[in-house]
Amino acid sequence: FPPLALIVGFPMMAQICRGVNFFAF
């Protein structure tokens, strides 16, 4: 169900970015 992936993609990518930036800083 691709529309679900489009919606859930936002919180998923936000979590990934927060995690990576924790290590970056």
PDB file of all heavy atoms in Angstrom:
ATOM      1  N   PHE A   1       0.855  -1.192   0.000  1.00  0.00           N
ATOM      2  CA  PHE A   1       0.000   0.000   0.000  1.00  0.00           C
ATOM      3  C   PHE A   1       0.893   1.245   0.000  1.00  0.00           C
ATOM      4  O   PHE A   1       1.171   1.832   1.050  1.00  0.00           O
ATOM      5  CB  PHE A   1      -0.914  -0.013   1.226  1.00  0.00           C
ATOM      6  CG  PHE A   1      -1.974   1.055   1.186  1.00  0.00           C
ATOM      7  CD1 PHE A   1      -2.877   1.148   0.132  1.00  0.00           C
ATOM      8  CD2 PHE A   1      -2.071   1.988   2.224  1.00  0.00           C
ATOM      9  CE1 PHE A   1      -3.856   2.137   0.103  1.00  0.00           C
ATOM     10  CE2 PHE A   1      -3.041   2.978   2.213  1.00  0.00           C
ATOM     11  CZ  PHE A   1      -3.934   3.046   1.140  1.00  0.00           C
ATOM     12  N   PRO A   2       1.415   1.649  -1.176  1.00  0.00           N
ATOM     13  CA  PRO A   2       2.361   2.764  -1.263  1.00  0.00           C
ATOM     14  C   PRO A   2       1.932   4.050  -0.564  1.00  0.00           C
ATOM     15  O   PRO A   2       2.796   4.738   0.004  1.00  0.00           O
ATOM     16  CB  PRO A   2       2.517   2.966  -2.775  1.00  0.00           C
ATOM     17  CG  PRO A   2       2.267   1.608  -3.344  1.00  0.00           C
ATOM     18  CD  PRO A   2       1.193   1.012  -2.479  1.00  0.00           C
ATOM     19  N   PRO A   3       0.617   4.436  -0.581  1.00  0.00           N
ATOM     20  CA  PRO A   3       0.264   5.671   0.145  1.00  0.00           C
ATOM     21  C   PRO A   3       0.650   5.628   1.620  1.00  0.00           C
ATOM     22  O   PRO A   3       1.013   6.655   2.210  1.00  0.00           O
ATOM     23  CB  PRO A   3      -1.256   5.753  -0.036  1.00  0.00           C
ATOM     24  CG  PRO A   3      -1.510   5.046  -1.331  1.00  0.00           C
ATOM     25  CD  PRO A   3      -0.533   3.914  -1.345  1.00  0.00           C
ATOM     26  N   LEU A   4       0.563   4.437   2.236  1.00  0.00           N
ATOM     27  CA  LEU A   4       0.977   4.311   3.635  1.00  0.00           C
ATOM     28  C   LEU A   4       2.466   4.581   3.777  1.00  0.00           C
ATOM     29  O   LEU A   4       2.900   5.268   4.719  1.00  0.00           O
ATOM     30  CB  LEU A   4       0.647   2.908   4.152  1.00  0.00           C
ATOM     31  CG  LEU A   4       1.127   2.584   5.579  1.00  0.00           C
ATOM     32  CD1 LEU A   4       0.454   3.501   6.582  1.00  0.00           C
ATOM     33  CD2 LEU A   4       0.859   1.120   5.906  1.00  0.00           C
ATOM     34  N   ALA A   5       3.265   4.066   2.835  1.00  0.00           N
ATOM     35  CA  ALA A   5       4.707   4.291   2.885  1.00  0.00           C
ATOM     36  C   ALA A   5       5.038   5.773   2.723  1.00  0.00           C
ATOM     37  O   ALA A   5       5.963   6.282   3.356  1.00  0.00           O
ATOM     38  CB  ALA A   5       5.402   3.473   1.798  1.00  0.00           C
ATOM     39  N   LEU A   6       4.276   6.475   1.876  1.00  0.00           N
ATOM     40  CA  LEU A   6       4.512   7.906   1.696  1.00  0.00           C
ATOM     41  C   LEU A   6       4.298   8.671   2.992  1.00  0.00           C
ATOM     42  O   LEU A   6       5.040   9.593   3.328  1.00  0.00           O
ATOM     43  CB  LEU A   6       3.589   8.459   0.614  1.00  0.00           C
ATOM     44  CG  LEU A   6       3.830   7.948  -0.814  1.00  0.00           C
ATOM     45  CD1 LEU A   6       2.807   8.542  -1.764  1.00  0.00           C
ATOM     46  CD2 LEU A   6       5.243   8.279  -1.267  1.00  0.00           C
ATOM     47  N   ILE A   7       3.268   8.275   3.743  1.00  0.00           N
ATOM     48  CA  ILE A   7       2.959   8.970   4.999  1.00  0.00           C
ATOM     49  C   ILE A   7       3.978   8.611   6.078  1.00  0.00           C
ATOM     50  O   ILE A   7       4.526   9.483   6.753  1.00  0.00           O
ATOM     51  CB  ILE A   7       1.530   8.607   5.465  1.00  0.00           C
ATOM     52  CG1 ILE A   7       0.508   9.114   4.447  1.00  0.00           C
ATOM     53  CG2 ILE A   7       1.255   9.189   6.842  1.00  0.00           C
ATOM     54  CD1 ILE A   7      -0.907   8.642   4.714  1.00  0.00           C
ATOM     55  N   VAL A   8       4.246   7.314   6.221  1.00  0.00           N
ATOM     56  CA  VAL A   8       5.153   6.850   7.280  1.00  0.00           C
ATOM     57  C   VAL A   8       6.596   7.229   6.970  1.00  0.00           C
ATOM     58  O   VAL A   8       7.435   7.304   7.876  1.00  0.00           O
ATOM     59  CB  VAL A   8       5.022   5.323   7.459  1.00  0.00           C
ATOM     60  CG1 VAL A   8       5.978   4.809   8.509  1.00  0.00           C
ATOM     61  CG2 VAL A   8       3.599   4.961   7.854  1.00  0.00           C
ATOM     62  N   GLY A   9       6.901   7.503   5.697  1.00  0.00           N
ATOM     63  CA  GLY A   9       8.259   7.858   5.326  1.00  0.00           C
ATOM     64  C   GLY A   9       8.767   9.100   6.030  1.00  0.00           C
ATOM     65  O   GLY A   9       9.970   9.217   6.297  1.00  0.00           O
ATOM     66  N   PHE A  10       7.870  10.034   6.357  1.00  0.00           N
ATOM     67  CA  PHE A  10       8.298  11.273   7.010  1.00  0.00           C
ATOM     68  C   PHE A  10       8.828  11.030   8.426  1.00  0.00           C
ATOM     69  O   PHE A  10       9.952  11.441   8.742  1.00  0.00           O
ATOM     70  CB  PHE A  10       7.158  12.291   7.004  1.00  0.00           C
ATOM     71  CG  PHE A  10       6.947  12.935   5.672  1.00  0.00           C
ATOM     72  CD1 PHE A  10       6.126  12.346   4.720  1.00  0.00           C
ATOM     73  CD2 PHE A  10       7.586  14.114   5.343  1.00  0.00           C
ATOM     74  CE1 PHE A  10       5.942  12.926   3.479  1.00  0.00           C
ATOM     75  CE2 PHE A  10       7.412  14.723   4.105  1.00  0.00           C
ATOM     76  CZ  PHE A  10       6.580  14.117   3.164  1.00  0.00           C
ATOM     77  N   PRO A  11       8.064  10.377   9.323  1.00  0.00           N
ATOM     78  CA  PRO A  11       8.639  10.119  10.649  1.00  0.00           C
ATOM     79  C   PRO A  11       9.834   9.176  10.602  1.00  0.00           C
ATOM     80  O   PRO A  11      10.756   9.310  11.411  1.00  0.00           O
ATOM     81  CB  PRO A  11       7.471   9.505  11.435  1.00  0.00           C
ATOM     82  CG  PRO A  11       6.514   9.007  10.411  1.00  0.00           C
ATOM     83  CD  PRO A  11       6.659   9.938   9.247  1.00  0.00           C
ATOM     84  N   MET A  12       9.848   8.226   9.664  1.00  0.00           N
ATOM     85  CA  MET A  12      10.985   7.317   9.565  1.00  0.00           C
ATOM     86  C   MET A  12      12.260   8.081   9.211  1.00  0.00           C
ATOM     87  O   MET A  12      13.303   7.910   9.855  1.00  0.00           O
ATOM     88  CB  MET A  12      10.706   6.245   8.510  1.00  0.00           C
ATOM     89  CG  MET A  12      11.827   5.212   8.408  1.00  0.00           C
ATOM     90  SD  MET A  12      11.675   4.094   6.985  1.00  0.00           S
ATOM     91  CE  MET A  12      12.185   5.207   5.663  1.00  0.00           C
ATOM     92  N   MET A  13      12.188   8.939   8.186  1.00  0.00           N
ATOM     93  CA  MET A  13      13.375   9.668   7.772  1.00  0.00           C
ATOM     94  C   MET A  13      13.793  10.694   8.827  1.00  0.00           C
ATOM     95  O   MET A  13      14.990  10.942   9.027  1.00  0.00           O
ATOM     96  CB  MET A  13      13.116  10.363   6.428  1.00  0.00           C
ATOM     97  CG  MET A  13      14.384  10.813   5.719  1.00  0.00           C
ATOM     98  SD  MET A  13      15.587   9.482   5.444  1.00  0.00           S
ATOM     99  CE  MET A  13      14.618   8.340   4.436  1.00  0.00           C
ATOM    100  N   ALA A  14      12.824  11.265   9.538  1.00  0.00           N
ATOM    101  CA  ALA A  14      13.159  12.205  10.612  1.00  0.00           C
ATOM    102  C   ALA A  14      13.945  11.502  11.710  1.00  0.00           C
ATOM    103  O   ALA A  14      14.916  12.051  12.258  1.00  0.00           O
ATOM    104  CB  ALA A  14      11.879  12.828  11.175  1.00  0.00           C
ATOM    105  N   GLN A  15      13.542  10.280  12.050  1.00  0.00           N
ATOM    106  CA  GLN A  15      14.260   9.523  13.082  1.00  0.00           C
ATOM    107  C   GLN A  15      15.675   9.178  12.624  1.00  0.00           C
ATOM    108  O   GLN A  15      16.632   9.270  13.404  1.00  0.00           O
ATOM    109  CB  GLN A  15      13.491   8.244  13.418  1.00  0.00           C
ATOM    110  CG  GLN A  15      12.191   8.479  14.151  1.00  0.00           C
ATOM    111  CD  GLN A  15      11.480   7.179  14.503  1.00  0.00           C
ATOM    112  OE1 GLN A  15      12.105   6.146  14.705  1.00  0.00           O
ATOM    113  NE2 GLN A  15      10.159   7.233  14.585  1.00  0.00           N
ATOM    114  N   ILE A  16      15.818   8.778  11.366  1.00  0.00           N
ATOM    115  CA  ILE A  16      17.143   8.461  10.843  1.00  0.00           C
ATOM    116  C   ILE A  16      18.056   9.687  10.916  1.00  0.00           C
ATOM    117  O   ILE A  16      19.213   9.595  11.353  1.00  0.00           O
ATOM    118  CB  ILE A  16      17.043   7.950   9.395  1.00  0.00           C
ATOM    119  CG1 ILE A  16      16.410   6.554   9.365  1.00  0.00           C
ATOM    120  CG2 ILE A  16      18.417   7.919   8.724  1.00  0.00           C
ATOM    121  CD1 ILE A  16      16.190   6.003   7.970  1.00  0.00           C
ATOM    122  N   CYS A  17      17.542  10.837  10.500  1.00  0.00           N
ATOM    123  CA  CYS A  17      18.355  12.059  10.500  1.00  0.00           C
ATOM    124  C   CYS A  17      18.748  12.469  11.918  1.00  0.00           C
ATOM    125  O   CYS A  17      19.890  12.878  12.154  1.00  0.00           O
ATOM    126  CB  CYS A  17      17.613  13.191   9.795  1.00  0.00           C
ATOM    127  SG  CYS A  17      17.423  12.953   8.010  1.00  0.00           S
ATOM    128  N   ARG A  18      17.824  12.368  12.869  1.00  0.00           N
ATOM    129  CA  ARG A  18      18.164  12.709  14.252  1.00  0.00           C
ATOM    130  C   ARG A  18      19.247  11.774  14.783  1.00  0.00           C
ATOM    131  O   ARG A  18      20.171  12.206  15.480  1.00  0.00           O
ATOM    132  CB  ARG A  18      16.921  12.635  15.141  1.00  0.00           C
ATOM    133  CG  ARG A  18      15.995  13.829  15.016  1.00  0.00           C
ATOM    134  CD  ARG A  18      15.034  13.911  16.188  1.00  0.00           C
ATOM    135  NE  ARG A  18      14.167  12.730  16.256  1.00  0.00           N
ATOM    136  CZ  ARG A  18      12.982  12.643  15.677  1.00  0.00           C
ATOM    137  NH1 ARG A  18      12.521  13.668  14.968  1.00  0.00           N
ATOM    138  NH2 ARG A  18      12.244  11.562  15.790  1.00  0.00           N
ATOM    139  N   GLY A  19      19.135  10.494  14.455  1.00  0.00           N
ATOM    140  CA  GLY A  19      20.125   9.543  14.927  1.00  0.00           C
ATOM    141  C   GLY A  19      21.507   9.792  14.336  1.00  0.00           C
ATOM    142  O   GLY A  19      22.511   9.797  15.055  1.00  0.00           O
ATOM    143  N   VAL A  20      21.570   9.993  13.021  1.00  0.00           N
ATOM    144  CA  VAL A  20      22.861  10.240  12.373  1.00  0.00           C
ATOM    145  C   VAL A  20      23.499  11.514  12.917  1.00  0.00           C
ATOM    146  O   VAL A  20      24.709  11.558  13.192  1.00  0.00           O
ATOM    147  CB  VAL A  20      22.692  10.326  10.846  1.00  0.00           C
ATOM    148  CG1 VAL A  20      23.985  10.794  10.177  1.00  0.00           C
ATOM    149  CG2 VAL A  20      22.277   8.969  10.286  1.00  0.00           C
ATOM    150  N   ASN A  21      22.704  12.553  13.096  1.00  0.00           N
ATOM    151  CA  ASN A  21      23.262  13.821  13.576  1.00  0.00           C
ATOM    152  C   ASN A  21      23.714  13.740  15.022  1.00  0.00           C
ATOM    153  O   ASN A  21      24.590  14.509  15.448  1.00  0.00           O
ATOM    154  CB  ASN A  21      22.244  14.942  13.383  1.00  0.00           C
ATOM    155  CG  ASN A  21      22.091  15.335  11.925  1.00  0.00           C
ATOM    156  OD1 ASN A  21      22.979  15.104  11.114  1.00  0.00           O
ATOM    157  ND2 ASN A  21      20.962  15.916  11.573  1.00  0.00           N
ATOM    158  N   PHE A  22      23.144  12.819  15.800  1.00  0.00           N
ATOM    159  CA  PHE A  22      23.665  12.600  17.156  1.00  0.00           C
ATOM    160  C   PHE A  22      25.124  12.160  17.075  1.00  0.00           C
ATOM    161  O   PHE A  22      25.975  12.644  17.829  1.00  0.00           O
ATOM    162  CB  PHE A  22      22.836  11.539  17.877  1.00  0.00           C
ATOM    163  CG  PHE A  22      23.425  11.112  19.194  1.00  0.00           C
ATOM    164  CD1 PHE A  22      23.149  11.834  20.356  1.00  0.00           C
ATOM    165  CD2 PHE A  22      24.263  10.012  19.279  1.00  0.00           C
ATOM    166  CE1 PHE A  22      23.708  11.451  21.564  1.00  0.00           C
ATOM    167  CE2 PHE A  22      24.817   9.620  20.490  1.00  0.00           C
ATOM    168  CZ  PHE A  22      24.533  10.340  21.636  1.00  0.00           C
ATOM    169  N   PHE A  23      25.433  11.252  16.145  1.00  0.00           N
ATOM    170  CA  PHE A  23      26.806  10.785  15.987  1.00  0.00           C
ATOM    171  C   PHE A  23      27.674  11.860  15.328  1.00  0.00           C
ATOM    172  O   PHE A  23      28.862  11.984  15.639  1.00  0.00           O
ATOM    173  CB  PHE A  23      26.841   9.504  15.158  1.00  0.00           C
ATOM    174  CG  PHE A  23      26.491   8.270  15.936  1.00  0.00           C
ATOM    175  CD1 PHE A  23      25.169   7.869  16.077  1.00  0.00           C
ATOM    176  CD2 PHE A  23      27.473   7.516  16.545  1.00  0.00           C
ATOM    177  CE1 PHE A  23      24.838   6.734  16.795  1.00  0.00           C
ATOM    178  CE2 PHE A  23      27.157   6.377  17.271  1.00  0.00           C
ATOM    179  CZ  PHE A  23      25.832   5.982  17.406  1.00  0.00           C
ATOM    180  N   ALA A  24      27.096  12.630  14.402  1.00  0.00           N
ATOM    181  CA  ALA A  24      27.872  13.664  13.711  1.00  0.00           C
ATOM    182  C   ALA A  24      28.354  14.740  14.678  1.00  0.00           C
ATOM    183  O   ALA A  24      29.460  15.266  14.528  1.00  0.00           O
ATOM    184  CB  ALA A  24      27.035  14.286  12.594  1.00  0.00           C
ATOM    185  N   PHE A  25      27.539  15.065  15.665  1.00  0.00           N
ATOM    186  CA  PHE A  25      27.896  16.108  16.621  1.00  0.00           C
ATOM    187  C   PHE A  25      28.383  15.532  17.949  1.00  0.00           C
ATOM    188  O   PHE A  25      28.482  16.245  18.936  1.00  0.00           O
ATOM    189  CB  PHE A  25      26.701  17.033  16.859  1.00  0.00           C
ATOM    190  CG  PHE A  25      26.359  17.870  15.671  1.00  0.00           C
ATOM    191  CD1 PHE A  25      25.341  17.487  14.818  1.00  0.00           C
ATOM    192  CD2 PHE A  25      27.085  19.009  15.372  1.00  0.00           C
ATOM    193  CE1 PHE A  25      25.022  18.247  13.702  1.00  0.00           C
ATOM    194  CE2 PHE A  25      26.775  19.776  14.263  1.00  0.00           C
ATOM    195  CZ  PHE A  25      25.748  19.392  13.417  1.00  0.00           C
TER     196      PHE A  25
END
